[in-house]
Amino acid sequence: MALDGTSRETWLFVPTKLSGLAGGTELPTPGADSAASLGIEHVSPWEEFVPWIERRLASNPVPVLYVDDTNDWWGKRKYGRDIPESNPPGLDPIVDAQLLWRLALERRWPKAKLKSASNAIEEMRSVKSPAEIERMRAAGKATVGAWLRGSIAVGNRDNPSQVKTELVRGCIDNGAQSPSFWPEVGYSLGGKLVALDMGCDLDHYQTDTCRMVPASGHFSPEEKEAWEFYVGAYRAGLAAIHDGVRRTEVFEAMKREADRRKGQLQSELARKLAAAILDPKSVHGGWLVHSQGLLDAEAEPEILRAGMIVAFEPTTYVRRGLYFNIEDVTLVTTDGYEVLAPLPYDAAAIEESMRPVKR
């Protein structure tokens, strides 16, 4: 796909057929009819891409070639690097398709001026259009149905692979094409708490949400106190979300609520959780406010704007093997927020969602 900023025209170059497993994919036929159906100006044969670029580079003024060379945001956030170490120094990389695309253009047209369009693309996709919001709302509805399938599977004492299978089936049975990512079924507190971290991909829009459920089907008194303390603090952070808020303010709102309620805690588990939330290192240890849409984790905006869809995800580690996690598909509005995939928060409601079903 090429967007010509000078002529304000869009060109799509398509091959005659795809190879391998994608060989049966139906492709648009080059010509005016395909262009009209897609709402763009041109659909041209794959072979015409290079000649078209060369004609544009021969024009006056010579255009700048802007490329999307965005690398994996989560990989950079987690590992602190841009380019995967796929080859030793002195050899070209063999992974990261976007990086290789830029290298291919540079090698074919070494005198052309290339610039990154990644920041502009990220800015454009961060605030969703009304149509995109409705697509995410539909994906959120599928996500709720899928998560409930996984919750019931835990209640049925299914093994982790069976739980993941139910989450995937739940996405498809509720109208999505696939999961956003392979579901994560994490175990905490010696396997007593189970984190169901998942999302659904519906028409290329992806969600990401998480709740924790008790492996036994019932929270113990201390598990219930710790979970509901965590949820109460989380929801205070969630309530801070609105147009113009900084993500750090969302974190601070959660910490304030945890600090306000910590003196009421009775169990050692809840008190240790409170200390972990209030630890200054907690935010750097894994707290996120990441956007979602065309990807389940697109970027990490510093300031939230109305129309963004984000996940506030304050993963809190009490110690090795003991953590708490929660996140929602959250639409930022002018004066607040809306959860597009509403899942239960309270312990009693979560236990209700796990009621085994006859098979």
Protein backbone atom coordinates (compact mmCIF):
# COMPACT_ATOMS: atom_id res chain seq x y z
CA MET A 1 0.00 0.00 0.00
CA ALA A 2 1.37 3.40 -0.98
CA LEU A 3 -0.15 6.71 0.05
CA ASP A 4 0.89 9.50 -2.34
CA GLY A 5 0.83 12.71 -0.33
CA THR A 6 1.27 14.92 -3.39
CA SER A 7 -1.61 13.56 -5.46
CA ARG A 8 -3.59 12.46 -2.38
CA GLU A 9 -4.13 9.08 -3.99
CA THR A 10 -3.84 5.58 -2.58
CA TRP A 11 -2.22 2.74 -4.51
CA LEU A 12 -2.55 -0.93 -3.63
CA PHE A 13 -0.22 -3.35 -5.40
CA VAL A 14 -1.39 -6.98 -5.32
CA PRO A 15 0.21 -10.22 -6.55
CA THR A 16 -1.64 -12.63 -8.82
CA LYS A 17 -1.69 -15.26 -6.05
CA LEU A 18 -0.03 -16.01 -2.75
CA SER A 19 2.22 -19.00 -2.14
CA GLY A 20 2.17 -21.74 0.49
CA LEU A 21 -0.76 -22.10 2.88
CA ALA A 22 -2.08 -18.67 1.83
CA GLY A 23 -2.44 -19.86 -1.78
CA GLY A 24 -6.22 -20.12 -1.50
CA THR A 25 -6.66 -16.52 -0.31
CA GLU A 26 -8.91 -14.47 -2.59
CA LEU A 27 -7.09 -11.32 -3.73
CA PRO A 28 -8.51 -8.17 -5.30
CA THR A 29 -8.24 -8.09 -9.07
CA PRO A 30 -6.25 -5.08 -10.34
CA GLY A 31 -8.49 -2.46 -11.89
CA ALA A 32 -11.11 0.20 -11.27
CA ASP A 33 -13.79 -2.16 -9.94
CA SER A 34 -11.57 -3.37 -7.07
CA ALA A 35 -10.47 0.19 -6.32
CA ALA A 36 -14.08 1.35 -6.10
CA SER A 37 -15.07 -1.54 -3.83
CA LEU A 38 -12.13 -0.80 -1.50
CA GLY A 39 -12.72 2.95 -1.51
CA ILE A 40 -9.26 3.81 -2.89
CA GLU A 41 -7.99 5.26 -6.16
CA HIS A 42 -5.86 2.48 -7.63
CA VAL A 43 -5.44 -1.32 -7.42
CA SER A 44 -2.47 -2.30 -9.58
CA PRO A 45 -0.47 -5.46 -10.33
CA TRP A 46 2.30 -6.37 -7.90
CA GLU A 47 4.93 -6.04 -10.64
CA GLU A 48 4.17 -2.34 -11.14
CA PHE A 49 5.30 -1.28 -7.65
CA VAL A 50 9.02 -0.80 -8.47
CA PRO A 51 8.38 1.12 -11.75
CA TRP A 52 5.83 3.30 -9.93
CA ILE A 53 8.35 4.18 -7.18
CA GLU A 54 11.00 4.94 -9.80
CA ARG A 55 8.64 7.29 -11.66
CA ARG A 56 7.82 9.09 -8.43
CA LEU A 57 11.51 9.39 -7.50
CA ALA A 58 12.19 10.90 -10.94
CA SER A 59 9.60 13.64 -10.44
CA ASN A 60 10.26 17.17 -9.28
CA PRO A 61 10.29 17.74 -6.40
CA VAL A 62 11.72 14.35 -5.43
CA PRO A 63 9.40 12.80 -2.82
CA VAL A 64 10.49 11.53 0.57
CA LEU A 65 9.71 7.84 1.12
CA TYR A 66 8.04 7.47 4.50
CA VAL A 67 8.01 3.93 5.91
CA ASP A 68 6.42 2.27 8.90
CA ASP A 69 9.51 0.86 10.60
CA THR A 70 7.84 0.47 14.00
CA ASN A 71 9.34 -2.42 15.85
CA ASP A 72 7.70 -4.51 18.51
CA TRP A 73 6.63 -2.07 21.25
CA TRP A 74 6.30 -4.72 23.93
CA GLY A 75 9.67 -6.24 23.10
CA LYS A 76 11.31 -2.84 23.38
CA ARG A 77 9.45 -2.11 26.64
CA LYS A 78 10.39 -5.45 28.13
CA TYR A 79 13.91 -5.93 26.83
CA GLY A 80 15.03 -2.36 26.14
CA ARG A 81 16.17 -2.82 22.56
CA ASP A 82 14.88 -1.92 19.13
CA ILE A 83 16.41 -4.56 16.83
CA PRO A 84 16.37 -8.25 17.72
CA GLU A 85 19.79 -9.91 17.83
CA SER A 86 19.07 -12.21 14.89
CA ASN A 87 22.60 -12.17 13.44
CA PRO A 88 26.12 -11.39 14.68
CA PRO A 89 27.57 -7.91 13.96
CA GLY A 90 28.52 -7.45 10.33
CA LEU A 91 25.55 -9.39 8.95
CA ASP A 92 22.15 -8.02 8.02
CA PRO A 93 19.28 -8.95 10.40
CA ILE A 94 16.96 -11.75 9.33
CA VAL A 95 13.95 -10.93 11.50
CA ASP A 96 11.68 -7.89 12.03
CA ALA A 97 9.77 -7.53 8.76
CA GLN A 98 9.37 -3.76 9.09
CA LEU A 99 13.10 -3.25 9.55
CA LEU A 100 13.84 -5.53 6.58
CA TRP A 101 11.33 -3.59 4.45
CA ARG A 102 13.22 -0.37 5.10
CA LEU A 103 16.56 -2.05 4.35
CA ALA A 104 15.15 -3.41 1.08
CA LEU A 105 14.10 0.09 0.00
CA GLU A 106 17.48 1.57 0.99
CA ARG A 107 19.37 -1.07 -1.00
CA ARG A 108 17.16 -0.68 -4.10
CA TRP A 109 17.19 3.13 -4.05
CA PRO A 110 20.32 4.18 -2.11
CA LYS A 111 20.00 7.85 -3.11
CA ALA A 112 16.36 8.14 -2.03
CA LYS A 113 15.52 10.00 1.16
CA LEU A 114 13.74 7.72 3.64
CA LYS A 115 12.08 8.81 6.87
CA SER A 116 10.18 6.96 9.55
CA ALA A 117 6.43 7.45 9.64
CA SER A 118 6.07 5.37 12.80
CA ASN A 119 5.42 8.21 15.23
CA ALA A 120 2.80 9.75 12.95
CA ILE A 121 1.14 6.36 12.44
CA GLU A 122 1.12 5.69 16.18
CA GLU A 123 -0.47 9.09 16.82
CA MET A 124 -3.15 8.54 14.16
CA ARG A 125 -4.10 5.08 15.39
CA SER A 126 -4.06 5.99 19.10
CA VAL A 127 -7.42 7.80 19.01
CA LYS A 128 -10.11 5.58 17.51
CA SER A 129 -12.86 6.70 15.15
CA PRO A 130 -16.49 6.04 16.08
CA ALA A 131 -16.49 3.05 13.69
CA GLU A 132 -13.36 1.64 15.32
CA ILE A 133 -14.87 2.06 18.78
CA GLU A 134 -17.91 0.06 17.71
CA ARG A 135 -15.62 -2.64 16.30
CA MET A 136 -13.79 -2.79 19.64
CA ARG A 137 -17.13 -2.88 21.44
CA ALA A 138 -18.07 -5.96 19.40
CA ALA A 139 -14.67 -7.51 20.11
CA GLY A 140 -15.20 -6.73 23.79
CA LYS A 141 -18.54 -8.55 23.78
CA ALA A 142 -16.87 -11.62 22.29
CA THR A 143 -14.10 -11.33 24.89
CA VAL A 144 -16.56 -11.44 27.77
CA GLY A 145 -18.14 -14.62 26.43
CA ALA A 146 -14.74 -16.21 25.90
CA TRP A 147 -13.42 -15.26 29.34
CA LEU A 148 -16.50 -16.77 30.98
CA ARG A 149 -15.81 -20.02 29.12
CA GLY A 150 -12.32 -20.05 30.60
CA SER A 151 -13.60 -19.25 34.07
CA ILE A 152 -16.05 -22.15 33.92
CA ALA A 153 -13.25 -24.41 32.70
CA VAL A 154 -11.23 -23.56 35.82
CA GLY A 155 -14.34 -24.27 37.90
CA ASN A 156 -14.59 -27.65 36.17
CA ARG A 157 -10.99 -28.38 37.28
CA ASP A 158 -9.78 -28.52 33.67
CA ASN A 159 -6.02 -28.53 33.13
CA PRO A 160 -4.25 -25.39 31.77
CA SER A 161 -4.30 -26.62 28.15
CA GLN A 162 -8.04 -27.30 28.36
CA VAL A 163 -8.64 -23.86 29.88
CA LYS A 164 -6.73 -22.19 27.03
CA THR A 165 -8.70 -24.24 24.51
CA GLU A 166 -11.96 -23.04 26.03
CA LEU A 167 -10.78 -19.42 25.86
CA VAL A 168 -9.93 -19.82 22.16
CA ARG A 169 -13.20 -21.61 21.41
CA GLY A 170 -15.02 -18.91 23.33
CA CYS A 171 -13.63 -16.19 21.06
CA ILE A 172 -14.69 -18.05 17.91
CA ASP A 173 -18.10 -19.13 19.24
CA ASN A 174 -18.83 -15.51 20.15
CA GLY A 175 -18.14 -14.12 16.68
CA ALA A 176 -14.42 -13.36 16.70
CA GLN A 177 -12.02 -14.90 14.18
CA SER A 178 -9.34 -15.87 16.71
CA PRO A 179 -7.77 -14.89 20.04
CA SER A 180 -5.69 -11.70 20.03
CA PHE A 181 -2.78 -13.73 21.37
CA TRP A 182 -2.43 -17.23 22.73
CA PRO A 183 -4.20 -17.05 26.12
CA GLU A 184 -2.05 -16.96 29.22
CA VAL A 185 -3.17 -19.05 32.19
CA GLY A 186 -0.90 -18.02 35.05
CA TYR A 187 -0.73 -19.50 38.53
CA SER A 188 -0.09 -17.50 41.69
CA LEU A 189 0.01 -18.27 45.41
CA GLY A 190 1.14 -21.84 44.88
CA GLY A 191 -1.51 -22.43 42.22
CA LYS A 192 -4.40 -21.23 44.39
CA LEU A 193 -5.11 -18.22 42.17
CA VAL A 194 -5.35 -18.43 38.38
CA ALA A 195 -4.89 -15.43 36.08
CA LEU A 196 -6.87 -15.62 32.83
CA ASP A 197 -5.12 -13.11 30.56
CA MET A 198 -6.71 -13.14 27.11
CA GLY A 199 -8.38 -11.23 24.31
CA CYS A 200 -10.29 -11.76 21.05
CA ASP A 201 -9.51 -10.64 17.50
CA LEU A 202 -12.63 -9.57 15.63
CA ASP A 203 -12.22 -8.13 12.13
CA HIS A 204 -8.57 -7.23 12.89
CA TYR A 205 -9.35 -5.40 16.16
CA GLN A 206 -7.85 -6.97 19.26
CA THR A 207 -8.67 -6.81 22.96
CA ASP A 208 -6.62 -7.58 26.06
CA THR A 209 -8.16 -8.23 29.46
CA CYS A 210 -7.42 -10.18 32.65
CA ARG A 211 -9.06 -11.40 35.85
CA MET A 212 -7.89 -13.82 38.51
CA VAL A 213 -10.06 -16.68 39.76
CA PRO A 214 -9.58 -19.14 42.64
CA ALA A 215 -8.44 -22.57 41.45
CA SER A 216 -10.74 -24.22 43.99
CA GLY A 217 -13.77 -22.26 42.84
CA HIS A 218 -13.89 -20.30 46.12
CA PHE A 219 -11.65 -17.63 47.60
CA SER A 220 -10.37 -18.36 51.10
CA PRO A 221 -11.03 -15.51 53.57
CA GLU A 222 -7.49 -14.14 53.22
CA GLU A 223 -7.53 -14.55 49.42
CA LYS A 224 -10.83 -12.70 49.26
CA GLU A 225 -9.54 -9.85 51.41
CA ALA A 226 -6.37 -9.50 49.35
CA TRP A 227 -8.19 -9.69 46.00
CA GLU A 228 -10.90 -7.20 46.92
CA PHE A 229 -8.31 -4.82 48.38
CA TYR A 230 -6.40 -5.04 45.11
CA VAL A 231 -9.57 -4.54 43.05
CA GLY A 232 -10.62 -1.55 45.18
CA ALA A 233 -7.26 0.12 44.64
CA TYR A 234 -7.35 -0.75 40.92
CA ARG A 235 -10.82 0.73 40.46
CA ALA A 236 -9.64 3.96 42.07
CA GLY A 237 -6.98 4.12 39.36
CA LEU A 238 -9.57 3.28 36.73
CA ALA A 239 -11.81 6.07 38.01
CA ALA A 240 -8.98 8.56 37.43
CA ILE A 241 -9.07 7.88 33.67
CA HIS A 242 -10.42 10.73 31.53
CA ASP A 243 -9.36 12.93 28.64
CA GLY A 244 -6.07 14.66 29.43
CA VAL A 245 -4.97 12.56 32.41
CA ARG A 246 -1.37 11.35 32.58
CA ARG A 247 -0.83 7.64 33.03
CA THR A 248 1.29 8.41 36.10
CA GLU A 249 -1.79 10.04 37.66
CA VAL A 250 -3.69 6.77 37.17
CA PHE A 251 -0.92 4.94 39.05
CA GLU A 252 -0.94 7.55 41.83
CA ALA A 253 -4.72 7.24 42.26
CA MET A 254 -4.38 3.50 42.83
CA LYS A 255 -1.57 4.00 45.31
CA ARG A 256 -3.53 6.63 47.25
CA GLU A 257 -6.49 4.29 47.64
CA ALA A 258 -4.22 1.43 48.75
CA ASP A 259 -2.58 3.71 51.29
CA ARG A 260 -5.98 4.88 52.58
CA ARG A 261 -7.27 1.35 53.12
CA LYS A 262 -4.14 -0.47 54.27
CA GLY A 263 -4.86 0.11 57.97
CA GLN A 264 -8.10 -1.90 57.72
CA LEU A 265 -6.43 -5.09 56.53
CA GLN A 266 -6.50 -8.19 58.72
CA SER A 267 -4.61 -10.91 56.85
CA GLU A 268 -0.86 -11.12 56.32
CA LEU A 269 -1.42 -11.75 52.60
CA ALA A 270 -3.37 -8.51 52.15
CA ARG A 271 -0.88 -6.50 54.19
CA LYS A 272 2.01 -7.80 52.10
CA LEU A 273 0.07 -6.97 48.94
CA ALA A 274 -0.51 -3.42 50.21
CA ALA A 275 3.22 -3.03 50.88
CA ALA A 276 3.99 -4.26 47.37
CA ILE A 277 1.54 -1.80 45.79
CA LEU A 278 3.00 1.09 47.78
CA ASP A 279 6.61 0.11 47.06
CA PRO A 280 8.08 2.88 44.84
CA LYS A 281 9.53 0.15 42.60
CA SER A 282 6.12 -1.36 41.85
CA VAL A 283 5.37 0.92 38.89
CA HIS A 284 8.70 0.11 37.28
CA GLY A 285 8.19 -3.57 37.97
CA GLY A 286 5.36 -3.96 35.50
CA TRP A 287 2.54 -1.38 35.80
CA LEU A 288 1.21 -0.37 32.39
CA VAL A 289 -1.39 1.76 30.68
CA HIS A 290 -1.14 0.45 27.12
CA SER A 291 -3.39 1.15 24.17
CA GLN A 292 -5.13 -1.55 22.17
CA GLY A 293 -6.94 -1.71 18.85
CA LEU A 294 -5.29 -3.11 15.73
CA LEU A 295 -2.94 -4.84 18.19
CA ASP A 296 -3.67 -6.05 21.71
CA ALA A 297 -0.78 -3.83 22.93
CA GLU A 298 -0.07 -0.92 20.59
CA ALA A 299 1.83 1.70 22.60
CA GLU A 300 2.12 3.31 26.01
CA PRO A 301 0.70 6.86 25.80
CA GLU A 302 1.95 9.36 28.34
CA ILE A 303 -1.29 11.40 28.20
CA LEU A 304 -4.66 9.74 27.63
CA ARG A 305 -7.06 11.29 25.13
CA ALA A 306 -10.77 10.79 24.52
CA GLY A 307 -11.21 8.02 21.97
CA MET A 308 -8.20 6.00 23.08
CA ILE A 309 -8.84 2.42 24.14
CA VAL A 310 -6.40 1.35 26.83
CA ALA A 311 -5.70 -1.32 29.41
CA PHE A 312 -4.64 -0.18 32.88
CA GLU A 313 -2.62 -3.19 33.99
CA PRO A 314 -0.97 -2.81 37.42
CA THR A 315 0.66 -6.24 37.73
CA THR A 316 1.93 -6.38 41.33
CA TYR A 317 4.49 -8.91 42.53
CA VAL A 318 4.41 -9.66 46.26
CA ARG A 319 7.22 -12.19 46.01
CA ARG A 320 8.39 -14.88 43.64
CA GLY A 321 5.39 -16.99 42.61
CA LEU A 322 2.88 -14.57 44.15
CA TYR A 323 1.41 -11.79 42.05
CA PHE A 324 -1.90 -10.06 41.32
CA ASN A 325 -3.06 -8.91 37.91
CA ILE A 326 -6.13 -7.27 36.39
CA GLU A 327 -6.93 -5.19 33.30
CA ASP A 328 -9.92 -4.02 31.28
CA VAL A 329 -10.71 -2.95 27.72
CA THR A 330 -11.23 0.70 28.62
CA LEU A 331 -12.48 3.50 26.37
CA VAL A 332 -11.27 6.96 27.45
CA THR A 333 -14.09 9.51 27.29
CA THR A 334 -14.16 13.27 27.75
CA ASP A 335 -15.13 13.09 31.39
CA GLY A 336 -14.34 9.51 32.35
CA TYR A 337 -14.17 6.01 30.91
CA GLU A 338 -16.24 3.07 29.70
CA VAL A 339 -15.31 -0.59 30.06
CA LEU A 340 -16.04 -2.31 26.73
CA ALA A 341 -15.56 -5.88 28.01
CA PRO A 342 -17.14 -5.82 31.49
CA LEU A 343 -16.01 -8.73 33.65
CA PRO A 344 -16.76 -9.37 37.34
CA TYR A 345 -14.66 -7.61 39.97
CA ASP A 346 -15.94 -8.82 43.35
CA ALA A 347 -14.99 -12.21 44.74
CA ALA A 348 -18.61 -13.40 44.94
CA ALA A 349 -19.30 -12.46 41.32
CA ILE A 350 -16.14 -14.21 40.16
CA GLU A 351 -17.09 -17.36 42.07
CA GLU A 352 -20.53 -17.21 40.45
CA SER A 353 -18.91 -17.01 37.00
CA MET A 354 -17.06 -20.28 37.69
CA ARG A 355 -20.09 -22.48 38.35
CA PRO A 356 -19.38 -25.83 36.67
CA VAL A 357 -21.66 -26.83 33.82
CA LYS A 358 -22.72 -30.33 32.82
CA ARG A 359 -21.03 -31.68 29.69
